[in-house]
C-alpha atoms as a PDB file:
ATOM      1  CA  UNK A   1       0.000   0.000   0.000  1.00  0.00           C
ATOM      2  CA  UNK A   2       1.546   3.257  -1.184  1.00  0.00           C
ATOM      3  CA  UNK A   3       2.105   5.991   1.391  1.00  0.00           C
ATOM      4  CA  UNK A   4       1.441   3.782   4.419  1.00  0.00           C
ATOM      5  CA  UNK A   5       2.657   4.763   7.883  1.00  0.00           C
ATOM      6  CA  UNK A   6       2.091   2.549  10.913  1.00  0.00           C
ATOM      7  CA  UNK A   7       2.541   3.470  14.576  1.00  0.00           C
ATOM      8  CA  UNK A   8       4.452   0.733  16.376  1.00  0.00           C
ATOM      9  CA  UNK A   9       6.083   0.174  19.759  1.00  0.00           C
ATOM     10  CA  UNK A  10       8.646  -2.167  21.234  1.00  0.00           C
ATOM     11  CA  UNK A  11       9.238  -2.923  24.912  1.00  0.00           C
ATOM     12  CA  UNK A  12      12.354  -4.562  26.337  1.00  0.00           C
ATOM     13  CA  UNK A  13      11.947  -6.206  29.750  1.00  0.00           C
ATOM     14  CA  UNK A  14      15.657  -6.120  30.504  1.00  0.00           C
ATOM     15  CA  UNK A  15      17.549  -7.380  33.520  1.00  0.00           C
ATOM     16  CA  UNK A  16      18.563  -3.885  34.605  1.00  0.00           C
ATOM     17  CA  UNK A  17      16.064  -1.583  32.870  1.00  0.00           C
ATOM     18  CA  UNK A  18      12.622  -1.693  31.299  1.00  0.00           C
ATOM     19  CA  UNK A  19      12.438   0.324  28.078  1.00  0.00           C
ATOM     20  CA  UNK A  20       9.969   1.438  25.431  1.00  0.00           C
ATOM     21  CA  UNK A  21      10.247   2.874  21.922  1.00  0.00           C
ATOM     22  CA  UNK A  22       7.304   4.255  19.938  1.00  0.00           C
ATOM     23  CA  UNK A  23       7.806   5.126  16.266  1.00  0.00           C
ATOM     24  CA  UNK A  24       6.040   6.001  13.036  1.00  0.00           C
ATOM     25  CA  UNK A  25       7.292   3.435  10.551  1.00  0.00           C
ATOM     26  CA  UNK A  26       6.973   3.145   6.773  1.00  0.00           C
ATOM     27  CA  UNK A  27       9.106   1.604   4.027  1.00  0.00           C
ATOM     28  CA  UNK A  28      10.969   4.930   3.825  1.00  0.00           C
ATOM     29  CA  UNK A  29      11.170   6.252   7.363  1.00  0.00           C
ATOM     30  CA  UNK A  30      11.523   5.393  11.024  1.00  0.00           C
ATOM     31  CA  UNK A  31      10.518   8.411  13.114  1.00  0.00           C
ATOM     32  CA  UNK A  32      10.916   7.987  16.866  1.00  0.00           C
ATOM     33  CA  UNK A  33       8.033   9.568  18.790  1.00  0.00           C
ATOM     34  CA  UNK A  34       8.816   8.395  22.331  1.00  0.00           C
ATOM     35  CA  UNK A  35      11.743   6.644  23.948  1.00  0.00           C
ATOM     36  CA  UNK A  36      11.904   5.993  27.666  1.00  0.00           C
ATOM     37  CA  UNK A  37      13.739   3.775  30.114  1.00  0.00           C
ATOM     38  CA  UNK A  38      13.214   3.015  33.788  1.00  0.00           C
ATOM     39  CA  UNK A  39      15.933   1.297  35.832  1.00  0.00           C
ATOM     40  CA  UNK A  40      13.979  -1.593  37.357  1.00  0.00           C
ATOM     41  CA  UNK A  41      16.784  -4.095  38.208  1.00  0.00           C
ATOM     42  CA  UNK A  42      14.639  -7.133  37.485  1.00  0.00           C
ATOM     43  CA  UNK A  43      17.600  -9.443  38.036  1.00  0.00           C
ATOM     44  CA  UNK A  44      18.422  -8.059  41.504  1.00  0.00           C
ATOM     45  CA  UNK A  45      19.436 -10.953  43.817  1.00  0.00           C
ATOM     46  CA  UNK A  46      18.447 -13.509  41.169  1.00  0.00           C
ATOM     47  CA  UNK A  47      21.878 -15.109  41.492  1.00  0.00           C
ATOM     48  CA  UNK A  48      21.072 -16.122  45.069  1.00  0.00           C
ATOM     49  CA  UNK A  49      17.313 -16.658  45.014  1.00  0.00           C
ATOM     50  CA  UNK A  50      16.935 -17.870  41.380  1.00  0.00           C
ATOM     51  CA  UNK A  51      13.691 -15.863  41.304  1.00  0.00           C
ATOM     52  CA  UNK A  52      12.480 -12.408  40.315  1.00  0.00           C
ATOM     53  CA  UNK A  53      11.693 -10.804  43.661  1.00  0.00           C
ATOM     54  CA  UNK A  54       8.371  -9.193  44.581  1.00  0.00           C
ATOM     55  CA  UNK A  55      10.165  -5.824  44.857  1.00  0.00           C
ATOM     56  CA  UNK A  56      11.705  -6.188  41.384  1.00  0.00           C
ATOM     57  CA  UNK A  57       8.347  -7.194  39.913  1.00  0.00           C
ATOM     58  CA  UNK A  58       6.715  -4.126  41.484  1.00  0.00           C
ATOM     59  CA  UNK A  59       9.341  -1.867  39.852  1.00  0.00           C
ATOM     60  CA  UNK A  60       8.710  -3.470  36.455  1.00  0.00           C
ATOM     61  CA  UNK A  61       4.951  -3.226  36.954  1.00  0.00           C
ATOM     62  CA  UNK A  62       5.248   0.471  37.795  1.00  0.00           C
ATOM     63  CA  UNK A  63       7.206   1.085  34.582  1.00  0.00           C
ATOM     64  CA  UNK A  64       4.697  -0.878  32.491  1.00  0.00           C
ATOM     65  CA  UNK A  65       1.832   1.154  33.927  1.00  0.00           C
ATOM     66  CA  UNK A  66       3.516   4.303  32.592  1.00  0.00           C
ATOM     67  CA  UNK A  67       4.246   2.616  29.255  1.00  0.00           C
ATOM     68  CA  UNK A  68       0.641   1.475  28.829  1.00  0.00           C
ATOM     69  CA  UNK A  69      -0.498   5.105  29.143  1.00  0.00           C
ATOM     70  CA  UNK A  70       2.054   6.121  26.492  1.00  0.00           C
ATOM     71  CA  UNK A  71       0.755   3.425  24.131  1.00  0.00           C
ATOM     72  CA  UNK A  72      -2.830   4.645  24.560  1.00  0.00           C
ATOM     73  CA  UNK A  73      -1.854   8.314  24.231  1.00  0.00           C
ATOM     74  CA  UNK A  74       0.003   7.615  20.978  1.00  0.00           C
ATOM     75  CA  UNK A  75      -2.723   5.329  19.597  1.00  0.00           C
ATOM     76  CA  UNK A  76      -0.163   2.599  18.871  1.00  0.00           C
ATOM     77  CA  UNK A  77      -1.353  -0.087  16.449  1.00  0.00           C
ATOM     78  CA  UNK A  78       0.954  -2.910  17.484  1.00  0.00           C
ATOM     79  CA  UNK A  79       3.454  -3.540  20.281  1.00  0.00           C
ATOM     80  CA  UNK A  80       6.238  -6.119  20.488  1.00  0.00           C
ATOM     81  CA  UNK A  81       7.398  -7.107  23.970  1.00  0.00           C
ATOM     82  CA  UNK A  82      10.476  -9.186  24.738  1.00  0.00           C
ATOM     83  CA  UNK A  83      12.212 -10.489  27.816  1.00  0.00           C
ATOM     84  CA  UNK A  84      15.921 -11.277  28.087  1.00  0.00           C
ATOM     85  CA  UNK A  85      18.285 -12.857  30.615  1.00  0.00           C
ATOM     86  CA  UNK A  86      16.270 -12.386  33.829  1.00  0.00           C
ATOM     87  CA  UNK A  87      13.196 -13.953  32.229  1.00  0.00           C
ATOM     88  CA  UNK A  88      15.361 -16.684  30.689  1.00  0.00           C
ATOM     89  CA  UNK A  89      16.861 -17.645  34.032  1.00  0.00           C
ATOM     90  CA  UNK A  90      14.318 -17.055  36.814  1.00  0.00           C
ATOM     91  CA  UNK A  91      12.373 -20.045  38.150  1.00  0.00           C
ATOM     92  CA  UNK A  92       9.235 -17.911  38.477  1.00  0.00           C
ATOM     93  CA  UNK A  93       9.507 -16.331  35.006  1.00  0.00           C
ATOM     94  CA  UNK A  94       6.332 -18.023  33.713  1.00  0.00           C
ATOM     95  CA  UNK A  95       4.320 -16.593  36.611  1.00  0.00           C
ATOM     96  CA  UNK A  96       5.729 -13.092  36.044  1.00  0.00           C
ATOM     97  CA  UNK A  97       4.985 -13.306  32.302  1.00  0.00           C
ATOM     98  CA  UNK A  98       1.439 -14.496  32.959  1.00  0.00           C
ATOM     99  CA  UNK A  99       0.812 -11.685  35.477  1.00  0.00           C
ATOM    100  CA  UNK A 100       1.977  -9.084  32.944  1.00  0.00           C
ATOM    101  CA  UNK A 101      -0.115 -10.658  30.171  1.00  0.00           C
ATOM    102  CA  UNK A 102      -3.273 -10.606  32.284  1.00  0.00           C
ATOM    103  CA  UNK A 103      -2.761  -7.057  33.530  1.00  0.00           C
ATOM    104  CA  UNK A 104      -1.529  -5.347  30.352  1.00  0.00           C
ATOM    105  CA  UNK A 105      -2.492  -7.717  27.539  1.00  0.00           C
ATOM    106  CA  UNK A 106       1.166  -7.960  26.463  1.00  0.00           C
ATOM    107  CA  UNK A 107       2.350 -11.157  24.799  1.00  0.00           C
ATOM    108  CA  UNK A 108       5.955 -11.512  25.921  1.00  0.00           C
ATOM    109  CA  UNK A 109       8.496 -13.338  23.773  1.00  0.00           C
ATOM    110  CA  UNK A 110      11.490 -14.498  25.811  1.00  0.00           C
ATOM    111  CA  UNK A 111      14.505 -14.320  23.521  1.00  0.00           C
ATOM    112  CA  UNK A 112      17.485 -16.648  23.736  1.00  0.00           C
ATOM    113  CA  UNK A 113      20.869 -14.941  24.035  1.00  0.00           C
ATOM    114  CA  UNK A 114      21.447 -15.674  20.335  1.00  0.00           C
ATOM    115  CA  UNK A 115      18.083 -14.174  19.286  1.00  0.00           C
ATOM    116  CA  UNK A 116      18.696 -11.141  21.494  1.00  0.00           C
ATOM    117  CA  UNK A 117      22.008 -10.481  19.769  1.00  0.00           C
ATOM    118  CA  UNK A 118      20.639 -10.917  16.241  1.00  0.00           C
ATOM    119  CA  UNK A 119      17.701  -8.588  16.951  1.00  0.00           C
ATOM    120  CA  UNK A 120      20.083  -5.983  18.411  1.00  0.00           C
ATOM    121  CA  UNK A 121      22.301  -6.189  15.320  1.00  0.00           C
ATOM    122  CA  UNK A 122      19.298  -5.464  13.053  1.00  0.00           C
ATOM    123  CA  UNK A 123      18.569  -2.291  15.029  1.00  0.00           C
ATOM    124  CA  UNK A 124      22.198  -1.147  15.087  1.00  0.00           C
ATOM    125  CA  UNK A 125      23.291  -1.881  11.519  1.00  0.00           C
ATOM    126  CA  UNK A 126      20.152  -0.449   9.874  1.00  0.00           C
ATOM    127  CA  UNK A 127      20.950   3.064  11.131  1.00  0.00           C
ATOM    128  CA  UNK A 128      24.750   3.075  11.002  1.00  0.00           C
ATOM    129  CA  UNK A 129      27.085   3.684   8.104  1.00  0.00           C
ATOM    130  CA  UNK A 130      28.588   0.445   6.890  1.00  0.00           C
ATOM    131  CA  UNK A 131      31.358  -0.760   9.193  1.00  0.00           C
ATOM    132  CA  UNK A 132      33.681  -3.593   8.271  1.00  0.00           C
ATOM    133  CA  UNK A 133      34.850  -6.129  10.843  1.00  0.00           C
ATOM    134  CA  UNK A 134      32.425  -4.949  13.532  1.00  0.00           C
ATOM    135  CA  UNK A 135      31.770  -6.311  17.010  1.00  0.00           C
ATOM    136  CA  UNK A 136      28.537  -5.056  18.602  1.00  0.00           C
ATOM    137  CA  UNK A 137      28.716  -5.221  22.408  1.00  0.00           C
ATOM    138  CA  UNK A 138      25.466  -5.017  24.356  1.00  0.00           C
ATOM    139  CA  UNK A 139      26.118  -5.047  28.107  1.00  0.00           C
ATOM    140  CA  UNK A 140      22.938  -5.852  30.030  1.00  0.00           C
ATOM    141  CA  UNK A 141      22.038  -6.428  33.648  1.00  0.00           C
ATOM    142  CA  UNK A 142      22.602 -10.168  33.606  1.00  0.00           C
ATOM    143  CA  UNK A 143      24.092 -11.021  30.199  1.00  0.00           C
ATOM    144  CA  UNK A 144      26.287  -9.435  27.546  1.00  0.00           C
ATOM    145  CA  UNK A 145      25.772 -10.066  23.835  1.00  0.00           C
ATOM    146  CA  UNK A 146      28.625 -10.083  21.322  1.00  0.00           C
ATOM    147  CA  UNK A 147      27.550  -9.840  17.675  1.00  0.00           C
ATOM    148  CA  UNK A 148      29.941  -9.985  14.719  1.00  0.00           C
ATOM    149  CA  UNK A 149      30.256 -11.158  11.136  1.00  0.00           C
ATOM    150  CA  UNK A 150      32.071 -14.343  10.171  1.00  0.00           C
ATOM    151  CA  UNK A 151      32.120 -15.787   6.657  1.00  0.00           C
ATOM    152  CA  UNK A 152      29.182 -13.564   5.619  1.00  0.00           C
ATOM    153  CA  UNK A 153      27.041 -14.702   8.555  1.00  0.00           C
ATOM    154  CA  UNK A 154      26.015 -12.737  11.635  1.00  0.00           C
ATOM    155  CA  UNK A 155      27.254 -14.590  14.721  1.00  0.00           C
ATOM    156  CA  UNK A 156      25.693 -13.821  18.102  1.00  0.00           C
ATOM    157  CA  UNK A 157      27.233 -15.098  21.338  1.00  0.00           C
ATOM    158  CA  UNK A 158      25.845 -14.431  24.802  1.00  0.00           C
ATOM    159  CA  UNK A 159      27.739 -14.596  28.085  1.00  0.00           C
ATOM    160  CA  UNK A 160      26.215 -14.737  31.547  1.00  0.00           C
ATOM    161  CA  UNK A 161      27.978 -11.503  32.428  1.00  0.00           C
ATOM    162  CA  UNK A 162      26.102  -8.319  33.324  1.00  0.00           C
ATOM    163  CA  UNK A 163      26.280  -5.190  35.430  1.00  0.00           C
ATOM    164  CA  UNK A 164      23.743  -6.193  38.085  1.00  0.00           C
ATOM    165  CA  UNK A 165      25.476  -9.527  38.722  1.00  0.00           C
ATOM    166  CA  UNK A 166      28.973  -7.971  38.665  1.00  0.00           C
ATOM    167  CA  UNK A 167      27.862  -5.177  40.995  1.00  0.00           C
ATOM    168  CA  UNK A 168      26.367  -7.606  43.519  1.00  0.00           C
ATOM    169  CA  UNK A 169      29.515  -9.769  43.528  1.00  0.00           C
ATOM    170  CA  UNK A 170      32.327  -7.233  43.325  1.00  0.00           C
ATOM    171  CA  UNK A 171      31.123  -3.607  43.326  1.00  0.00           C
ATOM    172  CA  UNK A 172      28.415  -3.456  45.998  1.00  0.00           C
ATOM    173  CA  UNK A 173      30.422  -1.047  48.170  1.00  0.00           C
ATOM    174  CA  UNK A 174      31.902   1.819  46.170  1.00  0.00           C
ATOM    175  CA  UNK A 175      34.741   2.469  45.825  1.00  0.00           C
ATOM    176  CA  UNK A 176      35.507  -1.233  45.812  1.00  0.00           C
ATOM    177  CA  UNK A 177      38.727  -2.814  47.071  1.00  0.00           C
ATOM    178  CA  UNK A 178      41.689  -3.666  44.829  1.00  0.00           C
ATOM    179  CA  UNK A 179      41.251  -7.310  45.886  1.00  0.00           C
ATOM    180  CA  UNK A 180      37.673  -7.394  44.555  1.00  0.00           C
ATOM    181  CA  UNK A 181      38.748  -5.575  41.369  1.00  0.00           C
ATOM    182  CA  UNK A 182      41.345  -8.304  40.770  1.00  0.00           C
ATOM    183  CA  UNK A 183      38.711 -10.978  41.365  1.00  0.00           C
ATOM    184  CA  UNK A 184      36.289  -9.246  38.976  1.00  0.00           C
ATOM    185  CA  UNK A 185      38.982  -8.999  36.312  1.00  0.00           C
ATOM    186  CA  UNK A 186      39.822 -12.682  36.591  1.00  0.00           C
ATOM    187  CA  UNK A 187      36.131 -13.644  36.422  1.00  0.00           C
ATOM    188  CA  UNK A 188      35.579 -11.481  33.326  1.00  0.00           C
ATOM    189  CA  UNK A 189      38.716 -12.777  31.587  1.00  0.00           C
ATOM    190  CA  UNK A 190      37.639 -16.378  32.258  1.00  0.00           C
ATOM    191  CA  UNK A 191      34.211 -15.739  30.729  1.00  0.00           C
ATOM    192  CA  UNK A 192      35.587 -13.809  27.730  1.00  0.00           C
ATOM    193  CA  UNK A 193      37.897 -16.734  26.959  1.00  0.00           C
ATOM    194  CA  UNK A 194      34.753 -18.769  26.124  1.00  0.00           C
ATOM    195  CA  UNK A 195      34.089 -16.592  23.048  1.00  0.00           C
ATOM    196  CA  UNK A 196      35.185 -17.636  19.570  1.00  0.00           C
ATOM    197  CA  UNK A 197      36.243 -14.125  18.492  1.00  0.00           C
ATOM    198  CA  UNK A 198      39.630 -14.588  16.849  1.00  0.00           C
ATOM    199  CA  UNK A 199      40.830 -11.152  15.779  1.00  0.00           C
ATOM    200  CA  UNK A 200      40.484  -7.535  16.856  1.00  0.00           C
ATOM    201  CA  UNK A 201      37.370  -5.648  15.768  1.00  0.00           C
ATOM    202  CA  UNK A 202      35.709  -2.264  15.351  1.00  0.00           C
ATOM    203  CA  UNK A 203      33.655  -2.289  18.545  1.00  0.00           C
ATOM    204  CA  UNK A 204      30.179  -0.722  18.547  1.00  0.00           C
ATOM    205  CA  UNK A 205      28.764  -0.118  22.031  1.00  0.00           C
ATOM    206  CA  UNK A 206      24.990  -0.059  22.571  1.00  0.00           C
ATOM    207  CA  UNK A 207      22.485   0.468  25.416  1.00  0.00           C
ATOM    208  CA  UNK A 208      22.880   1.695  28.999  1.00  0.00           C
ATOM    209  CA  UNK A 209      26.545   1.255  29.876  1.00  0.00           C
ATOM    210  CA  UNK A 210      27.905   2.510  26.540  1.00  0.00           C
ATOM    211  CA  UNK A 211      25.522   5.476  26.390  1.00  0.00           C
ATOM    212  CA  UNK A 212      26.322   6.405  30.006  1.00  0.00           C
ATOM    213  CA  UNK A 213      30.048   6.162  29.256  1.00  0.00           C
ATOM    214  CA  UNK A 214      29.566   8.494  26.280  1.00  0.00           C
ATOM    215  CA  UNK A 215      27.551  10.938  28.387  1.00  0.00           C
ATOM    216  CA  UNK A 216      30.387  11.052  30.927  1.00  0.00           C
ATOM    217  CA  UNK A 217      32.944  11.423  28.111  1.00  0.00           C
ATOM    218  CA  UNK A 218      31.088  14.464  26.689  1.00  0.00           C
ATOM    219  CA  UNK A 219      30.479  15.824  30.202  1.00  0.00           C
ATOM    220  CA  UNK A 220      26.757  16.164  29.516  1.00  0.00           C
ATOM    221  CA  UNK A 221      24.819  18.089  32.121  1.00  0.00           C
ATOM    222  CA  UNK A 222      21.612  16.524  30.818  1.00  0.00           C
ATOM    223  CA  UNK A 223      21.384  13.212  28.985  1.00  0.00           C
ATOM    224  CA  UNK A 224      20.962  13.650  25.221  1.00  0.00           C
ATOM    225  CA  UNK A 225      21.342  10.485  23.163  1.00  0.00           C
ATOM    226  CA  UNK A 226      21.306  12.376  19.840  1.00  0.00           C
ATOM    227  CA  UNK A 227      24.659  13.949  20.797  1.00  0.00           C
ATOM    228  CA  UNK A 228      26.046  10.508  21.641  1.00  0.00           C
ATOM    229  CA  UNK A 229      25.158   8.641  18.450  1.00  0.00           C
ATOM    230  CA  UNK A 230      28.220   7.550  16.449  1.00  0.00           C
ATOM    231  CA  UNK A 231      30.756   9.397  18.603  1.00  0.00           C
ATOM    232  CA  UNK A 232      34.078   7.572  18.997  1.00  0.00           C
ATOM    233  CA  UNK A 233      35.907   7.117  22.290  1.00  0.00           C
ATOM    234  CA  UNK A 234      39.555   6.003  22.450  1.00  0.00           C
ATOM    235  CA  UNK A 235      40.403   3.176  24.808  1.00  0.00           C
ATOM    236  CA  UNK A 236      42.691   5.596  26.716  1.00  0.00           C
ATOM    237  CA  UNK A 237      39.652   7.763  27.484  1.00  0.00           C
ATOM    238  CA  UNK A 238      37.665   4.702  28.586  1.00  0.00           C
ATOM    239  CA  UNK A 239      40.524   3.730  30.902  1.00  0.00           C
ATOM    240  CA  UNK A 240      40.706   7.269  32.282  1.00  0.00           C
ATOM    241  CA  UNK A 241      36.949   7.300  33.004  1.00  0.00           C
ATOM    242  CA  UNK A 242      37.186   3.824  34.544  1.00  0.00           C
ATOM    243  CA  UNK A 243      40.041   5.057  36.745  1.00  0.00           C
ATOM    244  CA  UNK A 244      37.957   8.035  37.922  1.00  0.00           C
ATOM    245  CA  UNK A 245      34.881   5.906  38.615  1.00  0.00           C
ATOM    246  CA  UNK A 246      36.910   3.351  40.571  1.00  0.00           C
ATOM    247  CA  UNK A 247      37.707   6.002  43.212  1.00  0.00           C
ATOM    248  CA  UNK A 248      34.143   7.331  43.619  1.00  0.00           C
ATOM    249  CA  UNK A 249      31.216   6.526  45.880  1.00  0.00           C
ATOM    250  CA  UNK A 250      27.720   6.130  44.448  1.00  0.00           C
ATOM    251  CA  UNK A 251      26.761   9.578  45.805  1.00  0.00           C
ATOM    252  CA  UNK A 252      29.837  11.170  44.185  1.00  0.00           C
ATOM    253  CA  UNK A 253      28.970   9.577  40.824  1.00  0.00           C
ATOM    254  CA  UNK A 254      25.417  10.957  41.006  1.00  0.00           C
ATOM    255  CA  UNK A 255      26.696  14.432  41.899  1.00  0.00           C
ATOM    256  CA  UNK A 256      29.554  14.557  39.395  1.00  0.00           C
ATOM    257  CA  UNK A 257      27.866  13.014  36.336  1.00  0.00           C
ATOM    258  CA  UNK A 258      24.456  14.657  36.108  1.00  0.00           C
ATOM    259  CA  UNK A 259      24.009  13.463  32.508  1.00  0.00           C
ATOM    260  CA  UNK A 260      23.453   9.847  33.516  1.00  0.00           C
ATOM    261  CA  UNK A 261      20.402   8.366  35.212  1.00  0.00           C
ATOM    262  CA  UNK A 262      21.072   8.512  38.994  1.00  0.00           C
ATOM    263  CA  UNK A 263      19.767   4.923  39.258  1.00  0.00           C
ATOM    264  CA  UNK A 264      22.595   3.804  36.964  1.00  0.00           C
ATOM    265  CA  UNK A 265      25.195   5.161  39.403  1.00  0.00           C
ATOM    266  CA  UNK A 266      25.231   1.880  41.330  1.00  0.00           C
ATOM    267  CA  UNK A 267      26.103  -0.178  38.217  1.00  0.00           C
ATOM    268  CA  UNK A 268      28.099   2.216  36.000  1.00  0.00           C
ATOM    269  CA  UNK A 269      31.408   1.393  37.748  1.00  0.00           C
ATOM    270  CA  UNK A 270      31.085  -2.331  37.019  1.00  0.00           C
ATOM    271  CA  UNK A 271      29.756  -1.574  33.515  1.00  0.00           C
ATOM    272  CA  UNK A 272      32.668   0.632  32.450  1.00  0.00           C
ATOM    273  CA  UNK A 273      35.122  -1.796  34.079  1.00  0.00           C
ATOM    274  CA  UNK A 274      33.621  -4.657  32.027  1.00  0.00           C
ATOM    275  CA  UNK A 275      33.655  -2.569  28.854  1.00  0.00           C
ATOM    276  CA  UNK A 276      37.311  -1.673  29.395  1.00  0.00           C
ATOM    277  CA  UNK A 277      38.224  -5.373  29.677  1.00  0.00           C
ATOM    278  CA  UNK A 278      36.312  -6.139  26.456  1.00  0.00           C
ATOM    279  CA  UNK A 279      38.042  -3.288  24.590  1.00  0.00           C
ATOM    280  CA  UNK A 280      41.511  -4.335  25.784  1.00  0.00           C
ATOM    281  CA  UNK A 281      40.837  -7.808  24.439  1.00  0.00           C
ATOM    282  CA  UNK A 282      39.033  -7.104  21.153  1.00  0.00           C
ATOM    283  CA  UNK A 283      39.150  -3.471  20.002  1.00  0.00           C
ATOM    284  CA  UNK A 284      41.435  -2.324  17.195  1.00  0.00           C
ATOM    285  CA  UNK A 285      40.072   1.238  17.171  1.00  0.00           C
ATOM    286  CA  UNK A 286      38.008   3.626  19.312  1.00  0.00           C
ATOM    287  CA  UNK A 287      34.625   2.324  20.465  1.00  0.00           C
ATOM    288  CA  UNK A 288      31.734   3.699  18.379  1.00  0.00           C
ATOM    289  CA  UNK A 289      28.520   4.479  20.272  1.00  0.00           C
ATOM    290  CA  UNK A 290      25.096   3.600  18.852  1.00  0.00           C
ATOM    291  CA  UNK A 291      21.816   4.931  20.257  1.00  0.00           C
ATOM    292  CA  UNK A 292      19.962   2.170  18.373  1.00  0.00           C
ATOM    293  CA  UNK A 293      19.609  -1.373  19.659  1.00  0.00           C
ATOM    294  CA  UNK A 294      17.127  -4.186  20.244  1.00  0.00           C
ATOM    295  CA  UNK A 295      14.132  -1.806  20.433  1.00  0.00           C
ATOM    296  CA  UNK A 296      14.578  -0.681  16.812  1.00  0.00           C
ATOM    297  CA  UNK A 297      15.568  -4.211  15.830  1.00  0.00           C
ATOM    298  CA  UNK A 298      12.283  -5.645  17.135  1.00  0.00           C
ATOM    299  CA  UNK A 299      10.202  -3.292  14.998  1.00  0.00           C
ATOM    300  CA  UNK A 300      12.393  -3.698  11.894  1.00  0.00           C
ATOM    301  CA  UNK A 301      12.293  -7.492  12.223  1.00  0.00           C
ATOM    302  CA  UNK A 302       8.487  -7.516  12.305  1.00  0.00           C
ATOM    303  CA  UNK A 303       7.981  -4.905   9.551  1.00  0.00           C
END
């Protein structure tokens, strides 16, 4: 149908944040109308309890209540909702999914780590100038996805490595001790050694940790993702920011870096530390920041 435009939304029930994107989509354009995230920490304490806690569910529910109003206000025609690592791993995931379905009429698709990575790559690569030898890194609350090309195929690998889990184990009291930093580094290196990535890559960073890093790098007083899209950050600058964060309390991070969500202050230290380790191992150039990710990928995959 010529001249069609459809209003669509995607929702990501992530392990650290719950996010929504609403866009006008046609075969020629993708105009973002609303984009919002709420730090809900769905995977908080999941490592110990193996379940999504009542408190975490309440935070997610509160975010979804806001999102439902946005969907109605924008007269959205279709919405795609996905869950990732927390809903893959929690013993009570089915109950949580069913509660959300009954309350909000959302059909939730729980993506495997591989599917999560592929969907993210669709969202990233559609909006970015062609980059050879890329490695998309999507650091989440409970897992990190690594997406790259090999023999003309998109490969997606997922590691059980995320900022909520790392924070609970090694960075719960900021600034953390050098002993715990050494333990975190060893744990990360052990997990990264499981990947099949053979050579260095042009790293593209997406979602919360990478965008927060970029906001700190540009010294934003107020978060603005348009300013962050496709900027490049040298590994030396990442190391310098990591070094600064490693000496700061949560309160100092909130005060000093007003561009980032205050609720990310508790996990940004572990996130930038993890990103630095990934860059040391795989990057052959500055990290490139992308504002686009799984939310765009979900809509593009369906339409």
